[in-house]
Amino acid sequence: MVFDDEKYMRLALAEAEKAYELGEVPIGAVLVDEDGTIVSTGYNLRETGRDATAHAEIEAIRSANEKLNRWRLSGTTLYVTIEPCPMCAGAIVNSRIDRVVYGGADIKAGAVHSIFNVLTNPRLNHQVQVTAGVLEDECTDIMKRFFKMRRAQNKQNLIKSPIT
């Protein structure tokens, strides 16, 4: 089945906005089955949950596992606003997700194209079809806005705090 990648990426962006509002790094994910039905969603919750593994992709995968009562997510497509990291890429492969669509590259931690090639590595037991750059500008813009805000907050905190 052919999906409207932009439609689902906009939903992933809405998830990223939820993370942004919580002060989390704004990355969102949406998992869709082969009929185009949304199975699960997720957004970063590392700070909120004090959990290094609470990335958007992991949250969506865990939710889908619980909802479907299985660990294999064959027949699904994962939409994520930013290129998955090594941990998330490993979880995607181990979950047997068929396809990943991401928006912006992650030049510091990307494990799909930027630094590593986990999802399509022929030495692994499962390869994932990948589509990159869907709504890339929107996906990278929310990250830029977030880190600009965070830098301004840090600068303001430095001004307020006397140096001892």
N, C-alpha and C. Protein backbone atom coordinates (compact mmCIF):
# COMPACT_ATOMS: atom_id res chain seq x y z
N MET A 1 0.83 -1.18 0.00
CA MET A 1 0.00 0.00 0.00
C MET A 1 0.87 1.25 0.00
N VAL A 2 0.47 2.25 -0.72
CA VAL A 2 1.20 3.51 -0.78
C VAL A 2 0.56 4.49 0.22
N PHE A 3 1.39 5.04 1.09
CA PHE A 3 0.91 5.96 2.11
C PHE A 3 1.19 7.41 1.74
N ASP A 4 0.42 8.29 2.32
CA ASP A 4 0.67 9.72 2.21
C ASP A 4 1.68 10.06 3.31
N ASP A 5 2.95 9.99 2.96
CA ASP A 5 4.01 10.18 3.95
C ASP A 5 3.92 11.53 4.64
N GLU A 6 3.56 12.57 3.91
CA GLU A 6 3.47 13.89 4.53
C GLU A 6 2.37 13.95 5.58
N LYS A 7 1.26 13.27 5.33
CA LYS A 7 0.15 13.25 6.29
C LYS A 7 0.62 12.67 7.63
N TYR A 8 1.28 11.52 7.57
CA TYR A 8 1.71 10.87 8.80
C TYR A 8 2.87 11.61 9.46
N MET A 9 3.72 12.24 8.63
CA MET A 9 4.82 13.02 9.22
C MET A 9 4.27 14.24 9.95
N ARG A 10 3.19 14.82 9.45
CA ARG A 10 2.57 15.94 10.17
C ARG A 10 2.05 15.47 11.53
N LEU A 11 1.56 14.26 11.60
CA LEU A 11 1.13 13.71 12.88
C LEU A 11 2.32 13.50 13.81
N ALA A 12 3.44 13.06 13.25
CA ALA A 12 4.66 12.91 14.05
C ALA A 12 5.14 14.28 14.54
N LEU A 13 5.01 15.29 13.70
CA LEU A 13 5.36 16.66 14.13
C LEU A 13 4.46 17.13 15.27
N ALA A 14 3.20 16.75 15.25
CA ALA A 14 2.30 17.10 16.36
C ALA A 14 2.78 16.43 17.65
N GLU A 15 3.30 15.22 17.54
CA GLU A 15 3.86 14.55 18.72
C GLU A 15 5.11 15.28 19.19
N ALA A 16 5.93 15.73 18.25
CA ALA A 16 7.13 16.49 18.61
C ALA A 16 6.77 17.77 19.36
N GLU A 17 5.68 18.41 18.95
CA GLU A 17 5.21 19.62 19.64
C GLU A 17 4.86 19.33 21.09
N LYS A 18 4.31 18.16 21.35
CA LYS A 18 4.00 17.77 22.74
C LYS A 18 5.27 17.71 23.57
N ALA A 19 6.32 17.12 22.98
CA ALA A 19 7.61 17.06 23.68
C ALA A 19 8.15 18.46 23.93
N TYR A 20 8.05 19.32 22.91
CA TYR A 20 8.52 20.70 23.02
C TYR A 20 7.86 21.40 24.20
N GLU A 21 6.55 21.24 24.30
CA GLU A 21 5.79 21.89 25.37
C GLU A 21 6.21 21.42 26.75
N LEU A 22 6.74 20.21 26.84
CA LEU A 22 7.21 19.67 28.12
C LEU A 22 8.67 20.02 28.39
N GLY A 23 9.32 20.67 27.44
CA GLY A 23 10.73 20.98 27.59
C GLY A 23 11.63 19.82 27.19
N GLU A 24 11.06 18.86 26.49
CA GLU A 24 11.81 17.70 25.99
C GLU A 24 12.33 18.00 24.59
N VAL A 25 13.41 17.35 24.18
CA VAL A 25 13.88 17.48 22.80
C VAL A 25 12.72 17.06 21.89
N PRO A 26 12.32 17.94 20.98
CA PRO A 26 11.07 17.73 20.22
C PRO A 26 11.18 16.76 19.05
N ILE A 27 11.10 15.50 19.39
CA ILE A 27 11.07 14.45 18.37
C ILE A 27 9.79 13.66 18.59
N GLY A 28 9.08 13.40 17.49
CA GLY A 28 7.83 12.66 17.56
C GLY A 28 7.84 11.48 16.61
N ALA A 29 7.01 10.49 16.92
CA ALA A 29 6.93 9.27 16.11
C ALA A 29 5.49 8.80 16.02
N VAL A 30 5.16 8.21 14.87
CA VAL A 30 3.85 7.62 14.64
C VAL A 30 4.06 6.28 13.94
N LEU A 31 3.46 5.23 14.46
CA LEU A 31 3.54 3.90 13.86
C LEU A 31 2.20 3.58 13.21
N VAL A 32 2.26 3.18 11.94
CA VAL A 32 1.06 2.96 11.13
C VAL A 32 1.08 1.53 10.61
N ASP A 33 -0.08 0.86 10.62
CA ASP A 33 -0.13 -0.50 10.08
C ASP A 33 -0.31 -0.47 8.57
N GLU A 34 -0.36 -1.66 7.96
CA GLU A 34 -0.41 -1.74 6.50
C GLU A 34 -1.71 -1.21 5.90
N ASP A 35 -2.73 -1.01 6.73
CA ASP A 35 -3.99 -0.42 6.26
C ASP A 35 -4.01 1.10 6.43
N GLY A 36 -2.95 1.65 7.00
CA GLY A 36 -2.89 3.09 7.23
C GLY A 36 -3.49 3.52 8.55
N THR A 37 -3.80 2.56 9.40
CA THR A 37 -4.35 2.85 10.72
C THR A 37 -3.21 3.15 11.68
N ILE A 38 -3.37 4.20 12.47
CA ILE A 38 -2.35 4.53 13.45
C ILE A 38 -2.42 3.50 14.58
N VAL A 39 -1.29 2.84 14.80
CA VAL A 39 -1.18 1.83 15.86
C VAL A 39 -0.78 2.49 17.17
N SER A 40 0.21 3.40 17.08
CA SER A 40 0.71 4.05 18.29
C SER A 40 1.45 5.32 17.92
N THR A 41 1.69 6.13 18.94
CA THR A 41 2.46 7.36 18.77
C THR A 41 3.43 7.48 19.94
N GLY A 42 4.37 8.39 19.80
CA GLY A 42 5.30 8.61 20.90
C GLY A 42 6.06 9.91 20.70
N TYR A 43 6.58 10.41 21.79
CA TYR A 43 7.44 11.58 21.75
C TYR A 43 8.45 11.46 22.88
N ASN A 44 9.53 12.20 22.77
CA ASN A 44 10.59 12.11 23.76
C ASN A 44 10.08 12.40 25.16
N LEU A 45 10.48 11.56 26.09
CA LEU A 45 10.12 11.72 27.50
C LEU A 45 11.30 11.43 28.42
N ARG A 46 12.52 11.62 27.92
CA ARG A 46 13.70 11.29 28.72
C ARG A 46 13.78 12.09 30.01
N GLU A 47 13.57 13.40 29.91
CA GLU A 47 13.66 14.25 31.10
C GLU A 47 12.49 14.00 32.04
N THR A 48 11.30 13.95 31.47
CA THR A 48 10.08 13.75 32.27
C THR A 48 10.12 12.43 33.03
N GLY A 49 10.52 11.38 32.33
CA GLY A 49 10.55 10.06 32.95
C GLY A 49 11.87 9.67 33.55
N ARG A 50 12.86 10.57 33.43
CA ARG A 50 14.21 10.27 33.91
C ARG A 50 14.65 8.89 33.41
N ASP A 51 14.49 8.71 32.08
CA ASP A 51 14.75 7.42 31.45
C ASP A 51 15.49 7.65 30.13
N ALA A 52 16.73 7.25 30.06
CA ALA A 52 17.54 7.46 28.86
C ALA A 52 16.97 6.76 27.63
N THR A 53 16.15 5.74 27.84
CA THR A 53 15.59 5.01 26.69
C THR A 53 14.24 5.56 26.23
N ALA A 54 13.74 6.61 26.84
CA ALA A 54 12.41 7.12 26.52
C ALA A 54 12.43 8.05 25.30
N HIS A 55 12.97 7.54 24.20
CA HIS A 55 12.95 8.26 22.93
C HIS A 55 11.60 8.07 22.27
N ALA A 56 11.27 8.95 21.35
CA ALA A 56 9.97 8.89 20.66
C ALA A 56 9.72 7.54 20.01
N GLU A 57 10.73 7.01 19.33
CA GLU A 57 10.57 5.73 18.64
C GLU A 57 10.32 4.59 19.62
N ILE A 58 11.07 4.59 20.71
CA ILE A 58 10.92 3.54 21.72
C ILE A 58 9.54 3.62 22.37
N GLU A 59 9.08 4.84 22.65
CA GLU A 59 7.75 5.01 23.22
C GLU A 59 6.67 4.46 22.28
N ALA A 60 6.80 4.75 20.98
CA ALA A 60 5.83 4.24 20.00
C ALA A 60 5.90 2.73 19.88
N ILE A 61 7.11 2.17 19.89
CA ILE A 61 7.26 0.72 19.80
C ILE A 61 6.68 0.04 21.03
N ARG A 62 7.00 0.54 22.22
CA ARG A 62 6.47 -0.07 23.45
C ARG A 62 4.94 -0.03 23.47
N SER A 63 4.39 1.10 23.07
CA SER A 63 2.94 1.24 23.04
C SER A 63 2.31 0.26 22.06
N ALA A 64 2.93 0.10 20.90
CA ALA A 64 2.41 -0.84 19.90
C ALA A 64 2.52 -2.28 20.41
N ASN A 65 3.64 -2.62 21.06
CA ASN A 65 3.79 -3.97 21.61
C ASN A 65 2.67 -4.29 22.59
N GLU A 66 2.37 -3.32 23.44
CA GLU A 66 1.32 -3.51 24.43
C GLU A 66 -0.06 -3.61 23.76
N LYS A 67 -0.32 -2.70 22.84
CA LYS A 67 -1.62 -2.66 22.18
C LYS A 67 -1.88 -3.92 21.35
N LEU A 68 -0.85 -4.36 20.61
CA LEU A 68 -1.01 -5.53 19.73
C LEU A 68 -0.70 -6.85 20.43
N ASN A 69 -0.15 -6.75 21.64
CA ASN A 69 0.21 -7.93 22.43
C ASN A 69 1.20 -8.83 21.68
N ARG A 70 2.21 -8.18 21.10
CA ARG A 70 3.27 -8.92 20.40
C ARG A 70 4.50 -8.02 20.26
N TRP A 71 5.65 -8.63 20.08
CA TRP A 71 6.87 -7.85 19.90
C TRP A 71 7.18 -7.61 18.44
N ARG A 72 6.72 -8.49 17.56
CA ARG A 72 6.96 -8.32 16.13
C ARG A 72 5.99 -7.29 15.57
N LEU A 73 6.55 -6.29 14.91
CA LEU A 73 5.71 -5.23 14.34
C LEU A 73 5.79 -5.25 12.81
N SER A 74 5.89 -6.46 12.26
CA SER A 74 5.90 -6.63 10.80
C SER A 74 4.65 -6.00 10.22
N GLY A 75 4.78 -5.44 9.02
CA GLY A 75 3.63 -4.82 8.36
C GLY A 75 3.38 -3.39 8.79
N THR A 76 4.35 -2.78 9.47
CA THR A 76 4.16 -1.40 9.94
C THR A 76 5.20 -0.46 9.35
N THR A 77 4.84 0.81 9.39
CA THR A 77 5.73 1.89 8.99
C THR A 77 5.85 2.85 10.16
N LEU A 78 7.08 3.24 10.48
CA LEU A 78 7.33 4.19 11.56
C LEU A 78 7.73 5.53 10.95
N TYR A 79 6.98 6.55 11.31
CA TYR A 79 7.28 7.93 10.92
C TYR A 79 7.93 8.60 12.11
N VAL A 80 9.09 9.21 11.89
CA VAL A 80 9.79 9.89 12.97
C VAL A 80 10.41 11.17 12.43
N THR A 81 10.32 12.23 13.22
CA THR A 81 10.71 13.55 12.73
C THR A 81 12.21 13.69 12.49
N ILE A 82 13.02 12.98 13.25
CA ILE A 82 14.47 13.06 13.12
C ILE A 82 15.04 11.65 12.97
N GLU A 83 16.09 11.54 12.20
CA GLU A 83 16.76 10.25 11.96
C GLU A 83 17.02 9.51 13.28
N PRO A 84 16.63 8.24 13.35
CA PRO A 84 16.82 7.47 14.58
C PRO A 84 18.30 7.32 14.98
N CYS A 85 18.50 7.27 16.29
CA CYS A 85 19.82 7.05 16.87
C CYS A 85 20.14 5.54 16.84
N PRO A 86 21.35 5.15 17.26
CA PRO A 86 21.68 3.72 17.26
C PRO A 86 20.74 2.86 18.12
N MET A 87 20.36 3.34 19.29
CA MET A 87 19.46 2.57 20.14
C MET A 87 18.12 2.35 19.45
N CYS A 88 17.56 3.42 18.90
CA CYS A 88 16.25 3.32 18.26
C CYS A 88 16.32 2.50 16.98
N ALA A 89 17.41 2.66 16.23
CA ALA A 89 17.57 1.86 15.02
C ALA A 89 17.62 0.38 15.36
N GLY A 90 18.33 0.04 16.44
CA GLY A 90 18.37 -1.35 16.88
C GLY A 90 17.00 -1.87 17.27
N ALA A 91 16.24 -1.05 17.97
CA ALA A 91 14.88 -1.45 18.37
C ALA A 91 13.98 -1.63 17.14
N ILE A 92 14.16 -0.77 16.15
CA ILE A 92 13.37 -0.88 14.91
C ILE A 92 13.67 -2.20 14.21
N VAL A 93 14.94 -2.53 14.09
CA VAL A 93 15.33 -3.80 13.45
C VAL A 93 14.78 -4.97 14.26
N ASN A 94 14.98 -4.94 15.57
CA ASN A 94 14.53 -6.05 16.42
C ASN A 94 13.02 -6.18 16.46
N SER A 95 12.30 -5.10 16.21
CA SER A 95 10.84 -5.13 16.19
C SER A 95 10.30 -5.59 14.84
N ARG A 96 11.17 -5.71 13.86
CA ARG A 96 10.79 -6.15 12.50
C ARG A 96 9.87 -5.15 11.80
N ILE A 97 10.01 -3.87 12.13
CA ILE A 97 9.26 -2.83 11.42
C ILE A 97 9.72 -2.85 9.97
N ASP A 98 8.77 -2.76 9.04
CA ASP A 98 9.10 -2.88 7.62
C ASP A 98 9.70 -1.62 7.01
N ARG A 99 9.23 -0.48 7.46
CA ARG A 99 9.63 0.77 6.79
C ARG A 99 9.76 1.89 7.82
N VAL A 100 10.74 2.75 7.60
CA VAL A 100 10.92 3.95 8.42
C VAL A 100 10.95 5.15 7.49
N VAL A 101 10.20 6.18 7.86
CA VAL A 101 10.19 7.44 7.15
C VAL A 101 10.63 8.49 8.16
N TYR A 102 11.70 9.22 7.84
CA TYR A 102 12.11 10.27 8.77
C TYR A 102 12.26 11.59 8.05
N GLY A 103 12.20 12.66 8.86
CA GLY A 103 12.27 14.01 8.31
C GLY A 103 13.68 14.52 8.20
N GLY A 104 14.26 14.95 9.32
CA GLY A 104 15.58 15.56 9.30
C GLY A 104 16.68 14.60 9.69
N ALA A 105 17.86 14.82 9.11
CA ALA A 105 19.03 14.02 9.45
C ALA A 105 19.55 14.42 10.83
N ASP A 106 20.23 13.50 11.48
CA ASP A 106 20.89 13.77 12.75
C ASP A 106 22.38 13.53 12.55
N ILE A 107 23.11 14.59 12.23
CA ILE A 107 24.52 14.44 11.88
C ILE A 107 25.40 14.05 13.07
N LYS A 108 24.87 14.16 14.28
CA LYS A 108 25.66 13.82 15.47
C LYS A 108 25.37 12.42 16.01
N ALA A 109 24.19 11.88 15.69
CA ALA A 109 23.84 10.57 16.26
C ALA A 109 23.00 9.69 15.33
N GLY A 110 22.85 10.07 14.09
CA GLY A 110 21.99 9.32 13.17
C GLY A 110 22.53 7.94 12.83
N ALA A 111 21.67 6.95 12.93
CA ALA A 111 22.09 5.57 12.68
C ALA A 111 21.40 4.96 11.47
N VAL A 112 20.92 5.83 10.57
CA VAL A 112 20.30 5.35 9.34
C VAL A 112 21.18 5.70 8.15
N HIS A 113 21.60 6.96 8.08
CA HIS A 113 22.46 7.43 6.99
C HIS A 113 23.64 8.27 7.48
N SER A 114 23.44 9.06 8.50
CA SER A 114 24.43 10.08 8.88
C SER A 114 25.75 9.52 9.41
N ILE A 115 25.69 8.66 10.41
CA ILE A 115 26.90 8.09 11.01
C ILE A 115 26.98 6.59 10.79
N PHE A 116 25.88 5.92 11.07
CA PHE A 116 25.82 4.47 10.92
C PHE A 116 24.76 4.11 9.89
N ASN A 117 24.79 2.86 9.46
CA ASN A 117 23.81 2.34 8.52
C ASN A 117 23.21 1.07 9.12
N VAL A 118 22.41 1.25 10.14
CA VAL A 118 21.86 0.10 10.85
C VAL A 118 20.65 -0.50 10.12
N LEU A 119 19.73 0.33 9.69
CA LEU A 119 18.45 -0.18 9.18
C LEU A 119 18.55 -0.98 7.90
N THR A 120 19.53 -0.68 7.06
CA THR A 120 19.65 -1.40 5.79
C THR A 120 20.91 -2.24 5.72
N ASN A 121 21.54 -2.47 6.85
CA ASN A 121 22.77 -3.24 6.88
C ASN A 121 22.48 -4.70 6.50
N PRO A 122 23.08 -5.18 5.42
CA PRO A 122 22.78 -6.54 4.95
C PRO A 122 23.29 -7.64 5.88
N ARG A 123 24.16 -7.30 6.83
CA ARG A 123 24.65 -8.31 7.77
C ARG A 123 23.67 -8.60 8.88
N LEU A 124 22.64 -7.76 9.03
CA LEU A 124 21.63 -8.00 10.06
C LEU A 124 20.55 -8.92 9.52
N ASN A 125 19.80 -9.52 10.43
CA ASN A 125 18.76 -10.47 10.03
C ASN A 125 17.51 -9.82 9.46
N HIS A 126 17.40 -8.51 9.57
CA HIS A 126 16.22 -7.79 9.06
C HIS A 126 16.68 -6.45 8.52
N GLN A 127 16.24 -6.10 7.33
CA GLN A 127 16.52 -4.80 6.76
C GLN A 127 15.21 -4.04 6.63
N VAL A 128 15.32 -2.74 6.77
CA VAL A 128 14.15 -1.86 6.79
C VAL A 128 14.20 -0.96 5.56
N GLN A 129 13.07 -0.79 4.91
CA GLN A 129 12.98 0.16 3.82
C GLN A 129 12.98 1.56 4.44
N VAL A 130 13.73 2.49 3.84
CA VAL A 130 13.87 3.82 4.41
C VAL A 130 13.52 4.90 3.39
N THR A 131 12.76 5.88 3.84
CA THR A 131 12.51 7.10 3.08
C THR A 131 12.94 8.26 3.97
N ALA A 132 13.84 9.09 3.46
CA ALA A 132 14.38 10.20 4.24
C ALA A 132 13.95 11.54 3.65
N GLY A 133 13.93 12.56 4.51
CA GLY A 133 13.71 13.93 4.06
C GLY A 133 12.27 14.36 3.90
N VAL A 134 11.32 13.61 4.44
CA VAL A 134 9.91 14.00 4.33
C VAL A 134 9.64 15.14 5.31
N LEU A 135 9.17 16.26 4.79
CA LEU A 135 8.95 17.48 5.58
C LEU A 135 10.20 17.86 6.38
N GLU A 136 11.32 17.70 5.74
CA GLU A 136 12.61 17.94 6.39
C GLU A 136 12.71 19.32 7.02
N ASP A 137 12.30 20.35 6.30
CA ASP A 137 12.41 21.71 6.83
C ASP A 137 11.60 21.88 8.11
N GLU A 138 10.38 21.38 8.13
CA GLU A 138 9.54 21.49 9.32
C GLU A 138 10.12 20.69 10.49
N CYS A 139 10.66 19.51 10.16
CA CYS A 139 11.21 18.65 11.20
C CYS A 139 12.49 19.22 11.81
N THR A 140 13.30 19.84 11.00
CA THR A 140 14.52 20.45 11.55
C THR A 140 14.23 21.80 12.19
N ASP A 141 13.21 22.48 11.71
CA ASP A 141 12.87 23.80 12.28
C ASP A 141 12.47 23.70 13.75
N ILE A 142 11.67 22.72 14.10
CA ILE A 142 11.25 22.60 15.50
C ILE A 142 12.45 22.32 16.40
N MET A 143 13.41 21.56 15.89
CA MET A 143 14.63 21.31 16.66
C MET A 143 15.43 22.59 16.82
N LYS A 144 15.57 23.36 15.76
CA LYS A 144 16.30 24.63 15.83
C LYS A 144 15.64 25.59 16.80
N ARG A 145 14.31 25.68 16.75
CA ARG A 145 13.59 26.57 17.67
C ARG A 145 13.82 26.14 19.12
N PHE A 146 13.76 24.83 19.35
CA PHE A 146 13.93 24.31 20.70
C PHE A 146 15.32 24.64 21.25
N PHE A 147 16.36 24.37 20.47
CA PHE A 147 17.70 24.60 20.98
C PHE A 147 18.05 26.08 21.05
N LYS A 148 17.44 26.89 20.22
CA LYS A 148 17.60 28.35 20.33
C LYS A 148 17.00 28.82 21.65
N MET A 149 15.79 28.31 21.97
CA MET A 149 15.14 28.65 23.23
C MET A 149 15.99 28.16 24.40
N ARG A 150 16.49 26.95 24.32
CA ARG A 150 17.28 26.37 25.40
C ARG A 150 18.57 27.18 25.62
N ARG A 151 19.23 27.60 24.55
CA ARG A 151 20.44 28.43 24.69
C ARG A 151 20.10 29.76 25.35
N ALA A 152 18.98 30.36 24.97
CA ALA A 152 18.56 31.63 25.58
C ALA A 152 18.28 31.44 27.06
N GLN A 153 17.62 30.34 27.42
CA GLN A 153 17.35 30.06 28.84
C GLN A 153 18.65 29.88 29.61
N ASN A 154 19.59 29.15 29.02
CA ASN A 154 20.87 28.93 29.69
C ASN A 154 21.63 30.23 29.86
N LYS A 155 21.59 31.08 28.86
CA LYS A 155 22.25 32.38 28.94
C LYS A 155 21.62 33.23 30.04
N GLN A 156 20.29 33.22 30.10
CA GLN A 156 19.56 33.98 31.13
C GLN A 156 19.90 33.45 32.52
N ASN A 157 20.01 32.14 32.65
CA ASN A 157 20.37 31.55 33.94
C ASN A 157 21.78 31.95 34.36
N LEU A 158 22.68 32.07 33.39
CA LEU A 158 24.05 32.50 33.70
C LEU A 158 24.06 33.95 34.17
N ILE A 159 23.25 34.77 33.56
CA ILE A 159 23.17 36.19 33.94
C ILE A 159 22.62 36.32 35.35
N LYS A 160 21.60 35.52 35.69
CA LYS A 160 20.97 35.59 37.00
C LYS A 160 21.83 35.02 38.10
N SER A 161 22.67 34.03 37.77
CA SER A 161 23.47 33.35 38.78
C SER A 161 24.79 34.07 38.98
N PRO A 162 25.04 34.49 40.21
CA PRO A 162 26.36 35.12 40.46
C PRO A 162 27.45 34.06 40.41
N ILE A 163 28.58 34.45 39.87
CA ILE A 163 29.71 33.52 39.80
C ILE A 163 30.38 33.51 41.16
N THR A 164 30.62 32.32 41.67
CA THR A 164 31.26 32.19 42.98
C THR A 164 32.66 31.72 42.89
